[in-house]
PDB file of N, CA and C in Angstrom:
ATOM      1  N   MET A   1      60.206 -11.764  21.896  1.00  0.00           N
ATOM      2  CA  MET A   1      60.072 -12.395  20.579  1.00  0.00           C
ATOM      3  C   MET A   1      59.376 -11.439  19.603  1.00  0.00           C
ATOM      4  N   TYR A   2      58.342 -10.763  20.105  1.00  0.00           N
ATOM      5  CA  TYR A   2      57.584  -9.851  19.241  1.00  0.00           C
ATOM      6  C   TYR A   2      58.475  -8.707  18.744  1.00  0.00           C
ATOM      7  N   MET A   3      59.296  -8.163  19.665  1.00  0.00           N
ATOM      8  CA  MET A   3      60.194  -7.065  19.296  1.00  0.00           C
ATOM      9  C   MET A   3      61.187  -7.529  18.226  1.00  0.00           C
ATOM     10  N   LEU A   4      61.688  -8.736  18.381  1.00  0.00           N
ATOM     11  CA  LEU A   4      62.631  -9.306  17.422  1.00  0.00           C
ATOM     12  C   LEU A   4      61.977  -9.396  16.044  1.00  0.00           C
ATOM     13  N   TRP A   5      60.722  -9.860  16.029  1.00  0.00           N
ATOM     14  CA  TRP A   5      59.981  -9.985  14.771  1.00  0.00           C
ATOM     15  C   TRP A   5      59.805  -8.630  14.106  1.00  0.00           C
ATOM     16  N   GLN A   6      59.442  -7.624  14.912  1.00  0.00           N
ATOM     17  CA  GLN A   6      59.256  -6.267  14.379  1.00  0.00           C
ATOM     18  C   GLN A   6      60.570  -5.751  13.779  1.00  0.00           C
ATOM     19  N   GLY A   7      61.670  -5.983  14.478  1.00  0.00           N
ATOM     20  CA  GLY A   7      62.981  -5.557  13.995  1.00  0.00           C
ATOM     21  C   GLY A   7      63.335  -6.247  12.688  1.00  0.00           C
ATOM     22  N   THR A   8      63.065  -7.545  12.613  1.00  0.00           N
ATOM     23  CA  THR A   8      63.364  -8.316  11.401  1.00  0.00           C
ATOM     24  C   THR A   8      62.524  -7.810  10.237  1.00  0.00           C
ATOM     25  N   LYS A   9      61.242  -7.537  10.528  1.00  0.00           N
ATOM     26  CA  LYS A   9      60.349  -7.036   9.490  1.00  0.00           C
ATOM     27  C   LYS A   9      60.841  -5.678   8.984  1.00  0.00           C
ATOM     28  N   GLY A  10      61.282  -4.826   9.912  1.00  0.00           N
ATOM     29  CA  GLY A  10      61.810  -3.512   9.536  1.00  0.00           C
ATOM     30  C   GLY A  10      63.036  -3.647   8.652  1.00  0.00           C
ATOM     31  N   LEU A  11      63.931  -4.569   9.012  1.00  0.00           N
ATOM     32  CA  LEU A  11      65.136  -4.809   8.214  1.00  0.00           C
ATOM     33  C   LEU A  11      64.769  -5.315   6.832  1.00  0.00           C
ATOM     34  N   ALA A  12      63.786  -6.221   6.777  1.00  0.00           N
ATOM     35  CA  ALA A  12      63.357  -6.777   5.494  1.00  0.00           C
ATOM     36  C   ALA A  12      62.823  -5.667   4.588  1.00  0.00           C
ATOM     37  N   VAL A  13      62.013  -4.771   5.163  1.00  0.00           N
ATOM     38  CA  VAL A  13      61.456  -3.658   4.387  1.00  0.00           C
ATOM     39  C   VAL A  13      62.580  -2.750   3.896  1.00  0.00           C
ATOM     40  N   LEU A  14      63.536  -2.448   4.785  1.00  0.00           N
ATOM     41  CA  LEU A  14      64.680  -1.615   4.403  1.00  0.00           C
ATOM     42  C   LEU A  14      65.471  -2.275   3.286  1.00  0.00           C
ATOM     43  N   TYR A  15      65.703  -3.578   3.427  1.00  0.00           N
ATOM     44  CA  TYR A  15      66.474  -4.325   2.429  1.00  0.00           C
ATOM     45  C   TYR A  15      65.770  -4.306   1.076  1.00  0.00           C
ATOM     46  N   LEU A  16      64.454  -4.573   1.092  1.00  0.00           N
ATOM     47  CA  LEU A  16      63.688  -4.594  -0.155  1.00  0.00           C
ATOM     48  C   LEU A  16      63.665  -3.218  -0.807  1.00  0.00           C
ATOM     49  N   THR A  17      63.477  -2.174   0.019  1.00  0.00           N
ATOM     50  CA  THR A  17      63.453  -0.807  -0.509  1.00  0.00           C
ATOM     51  C   THR A  17      64.811  -0.467  -1.111  1.00  0.00           C
ATOM     52  N   GLY A  18      65.873  -0.838  -0.396  1.00  0.00           N
ATOM     53  CA  GLY A  18      67.225  -0.589  -0.895  1.00  0.00           C
ATOM     54  C   GLY A  18      67.478  -1.319  -2.195  1.00  0.00           C
ATOM     55  N   THR A  19      67.024  -2.563  -2.261  1.00  0.00           N
ATOM     56  CA  THR A  19      67.202  -3.362  -3.478  1.00  0.00           C
ATOM     57  C   THR A  19      66.451  -2.717  -4.642  1.00  0.00           C
ATOM     58  N   LEU A  20      65.242  -2.254  -4.365  1.00  0.00           N
ATOM     59  CA  LEU A  20      64.419  -1.613  -5.392  1.00  0.00           C
ATOM     60  C   LEU A  20      65.118  -0.371  -5.930  1.00  0.00           C
ATOM     61  N   PHE A  21      65.597   0.477  -5.003  1.00  0.00           N
ATOM     62  CA  PHE A  21      66.262   1.710  -5.426  1.00  0.00           C
ATOM     63  C   PHE A  21      67.557   1.410  -6.172  1.00  0.00           C
ATOM     64  N   THR A  22      68.291   0.408  -5.690  1.00  0.00           N
ATOM     65  CA  THR A  22      69.532   0.018  -6.372  1.00  0.00           C
ATOM     66  C   THR A  22      69.212  -0.464  -7.785  1.00  0.00           C
ATOM     67  N   GLY A  23      68.154  -1.247  -7.905  1.00  0.00           N
ATOM     68  CA  GLY A  23      67.727  -1.741  -9.213  1.00  0.00           C
ATOM     69  C   GLY A  23      67.341  -0.605 -10.147  1.00  0.00           C
ATOM     70  N   LEU A  24      66.587   0.354  -9.610  1.00  0.00           N
ATOM     71  CA  LEU A  24      66.182   1.505 -10.423  1.00  0.00           C
ATOM     72  C   LEU A  24      67.390   2.324 -10.845  1.00  0.00           C
ATOM     73  N   ALA A  25      68.311   2.539  -9.905  1.00  0.00           N
ATOM     74  CA  ALA A  25      69.518   3.309 -10.220  1.00  0.00           C
ATOM     75  C   ALA A  25      70.348   2.587 -11.280  1.00  0.00           C
ATOM     76  N   ALA A  26      70.463   1.269 -11.142  1.00  0.00           N
ATOM     77  CA  ALA A  26      71.234   0.482 -12.112  1.00  0.00           C
ATOM     78  C   ALA A  26      70.565   0.540 -13.485  1.00  0.00           C
ATOM     79  N   ALA A  27      69.245   0.437 -13.513  1.00  0.00           N
ATOM     80  CA  ALA A  27      68.512   0.489 -14.783  1.00  0.00           C
ATOM     81  C   ALA A  27      68.700   1.853 -15.444  1.00  0.00           C
ATOM     82  N   PHE A  28      68.620   2.908 -14.630  1.00  0.00           N
ATOM     83  CA  PHE A  28      68.785   4.262 -15.165  1.00  0.00           C
ATOM     84  C   PHE A  28      70.195   4.446 -15.717  1.00  0.00           C
ATOM     85  N   ALA A  29      71.189   4.005 -14.953  1.00  0.00           N
ATOM     86  CA  ALA A  29      72.581   4.107 -15.394  1.00  0.00           C
ATOM     87  C   ALA A  29      72.774   3.309 -16.683  1.00  0.00           C
ATOM     88  N   GLY A  30      72.167   2.123 -16.740  1.00  0.00           N
ATOM     89  CA  GLY A  30      72.264   1.288 -17.930  1.00  0.00           C
ATOM     90  C   GLY A  30      71.671   1.983 -19.146  1.00  0.00           C
ATOM     91  N   LEU A  31      70.518   2.624 -18.952  1.00  0.00           N
ATOM     92  CA  LEU A  31      69.876   3.341 -20.058  1.00  0.00           C
ATOM     93  C   LEU A  31      70.750   4.479 -20.545  1.00  0.00           C
ATOM     94  N   VAL A  32      71.340   5.223 -19.608  1.00  0.00           N
ATOM     95  CA  VAL A  32      72.213   6.338 -19.978  1.00  0.00           C
ATOM     96  C   VAL A  32      73.406   5.826 -20.777  1.00  0.00           C
ATOM     97  N   VAL A  33      74.020   4.737 -20.304  1.00  0.00           N
ATOM     98  CA  VAL A  33      75.172   4.161 -20.997  1.00  0.00           C
ATOM     99  C   VAL A  33      74.783   3.697 -22.396  1.00  0.00           C
ATOM    100  N   ILE A  34      73.655   2.988 -22.491  1.00  0.00           N
ATOM    101  CA  ILE A  34      73.191   2.492 -23.796  1.00  0.00           C
ATOM    102  C   ILE A  34      72.946   3.671 -24.747  1.00  0.00           C
ATOM    103  N   ARG A  35      72.328   4.731 -24.225  1.00  0.00           N
ATOM    104  CA  ARG A  35      72.042   5.899 -25.057  1.00  0.00           C
ATOM    105  C   ARG A  35      73.330   6.540 -25.555  1.00  0.00           C
ATOM    106  N   GLU A  36      74.309   6.666 -24.661  1.00  0.00           N
ATOM    107  CA  GLU A  36      75.602   7.245 -25.056  1.00  0.00           C
ATOM    108  C   GLU A  36      76.286   6.394 -26.116  1.00  0.00           C
ATOM    109  N   VAL A  37      76.300   5.076 -25.890  1.00  0.00           N
ATOM    110  CA  VAL A  37      76.931   4.166 -26.848  1.00  0.00           C
ATOM    111  C   VAL A  37      76.229   4.261 -28.202  1.00  0.00           C
ATOM    112  N   ALA A  38      74.904   4.306 -28.182  1.00  0.00           N
ATOM    113  CA  ALA A  38      74.141   4.419 -29.424  1.00  0.00           C
ATOM    114  C   ALA A  38      74.474   5.732 -30.135  1.00  0.00           C
ATOM    115  N   ARG A  39      74.574   6.806 -29.372  1.00  0.00           N
ATOM    116  CA  ARG A  39      74.883   8.118 -29.947  1.00  0.00           C
ATOM    117  C   ARG A  39      76.264   8.101 -30.600  1.00  0.00           C
ATOM    118  N   ILE A  40      77.231   7.514 -29.905  1.00  0.00           N
ATOM    119  CA  ILE A  40      78.591   7.414 -30.441  1.00  0.00           C
ATOM    120  C   ILE A  40      78.597   6.552 -31.703  1.00  0.00           C
ATOM    121  N   ALA A  41      77.870   5.431 -31.651  1.00  0.00           N
ATOM    122  CA  ALA A  41      77.805   4.534 -32.806  1.00  0.00           C
ATOM    123  C   ALA A  41      77.188   5.261 -34.003  1.00  0.00           C
ATOM    124  N   VAL A  42      76.135   6.027 -33.757  1.00  0.00           N
ATOM    125  CA  VAL A  42      75.474   6.771 -34.833  1.00  0.00           C
ATOM    126  C   VAL A  42      76.424   7.811 -35.407  1.00  0.00           C
ATOM    127  N   SER A  43      77.114   8.544 -34.548  1.00  0.00           N
ATOM    128  CA  SER A  43      78.042   9.568 -35.047  1.00  0.00           C
ATOM    129  C   SER A  43      79.195   8.910 -35.818  1.00  0.00           C
ATOM    130  N   GLN A  44      79.613   7.731 -35.396  1.00  0.00           N
ATOM    131  CA  GLN A  44      80.664   7.000 -36.115  1.00  0.00           C
ATOM    132  C   GLN A  44      80.192   6.619 -37.519  1.00  0.00           C
ATOM    133  N   THR A  45      78.971   6.090 -37.612  1.00  0.00           N
ATOM    134  CA  THR A  45      78.456   5.680 -38.923  1.00  0.00           C
ATOM    135  C   THR A  45      78.248   6.897 -39.812  1.00  0.00           C
ATOM    136  N   GLN A  46      77.826   8.025 -39.240  1.00  0.00           N
ATOM    137  CA  GLN A  46      77.649   9.243 -40.031  1.00  0.00           C
ATOM    138  C   GLN A  46      78.994   9.723 -40.563  1.00  0.00           C
ATOM    139  N   LEU A  47      80.032   9.626 -39.730  1.00  0.00           N
ATOM    140  CA  LEU A  47      81.377  10.007 -40.178  1.00  0.00           C
ATOM    141  C   LEU A  47      81.811   9.119 -41.341  1.00  0.00           C
ATOM    142  N   GLU A  48      81.569   7.826 -41.213  1.00  0.00           N
ATOM    143  CA  GLU A  48      81.942   6.895 -42.269  1.00  0.00           C
ATOM    144  C   GLU A  48      81.179   7.181 -43.552  1.00  0.00           C
ATOM    145  N   ASP A  49      79.901   7.536 -43.413  1.00  0.00           N
ATOM    146  CA  ASP A  49      79.086   7.850 -44.578  1.00  0.00           C
ATOM    147  C   ASP A  49      79.643   9.069 -45.317  1.00  0.00           C
ATOM    148  N   THR A  50      80.009  10.109 -44.557  1.00  0.00           N
ATOM    149  CA  THR A  50      80.516  11.339 -45.198  1.00  0.00           C
ATOM    150  C   THR A  50      81.860  11.060 -45.850  1.00  0.00           C
ATOM    151  N   GLU A  51      82.668  10.199 -45.261  1.00  0.00           N
ATOM    152  CA  GLU A  51      83.956   9.841 -45.861  1.00  0.00           C
ATOM    153  C   GLU A  51      83.745   9.118 -47.202  1.00  0.00           C
ATOM    154  N   ASP A  52      82.704   8.288 -47.276  1.00  0.00           N
ATOM    155  CA  ASP A  52      82.421   7.555 -48.514  1.00  0.00           C
ATOM    156  C   ASP A  52      82.010   8.502 -49.631  1.00  0.00           C
ATOM    157  N   GLU A  53      81.246   9.540 -49.294  1.00  0.00           N
ATOM    158  CA  GLU A  53      80.751  10.471 -50.303  1.00  0.00           C
ATOM    159  C   GLU A  53      81.876  11.291 -50.917  1.00  0.00           C
ATOM    160  N   VAL A  54      82.870  11.603 -50.149  1.00  0.00           N
ATOM    161  CA  VAL A  54      83.966  12.463 -50.641  1.00  0.00           C
ATOM    162  C   VAL A  54      84.794  11.752 -51.687  1.00  0.00           C
TER     163      VAL A  54
END
């Protein structure tokens, strides 16, 4: 029974660590995507601004 408990605890720690890393990776990927989208949006508005001036 004790060995089973130790194994379960080990799995739980692995699962939590994996979830944490997955969450961090997802957050990082999300930030990169948001930054890219913002950059594209900014360049689009700048293009529109220059078109208006001409």
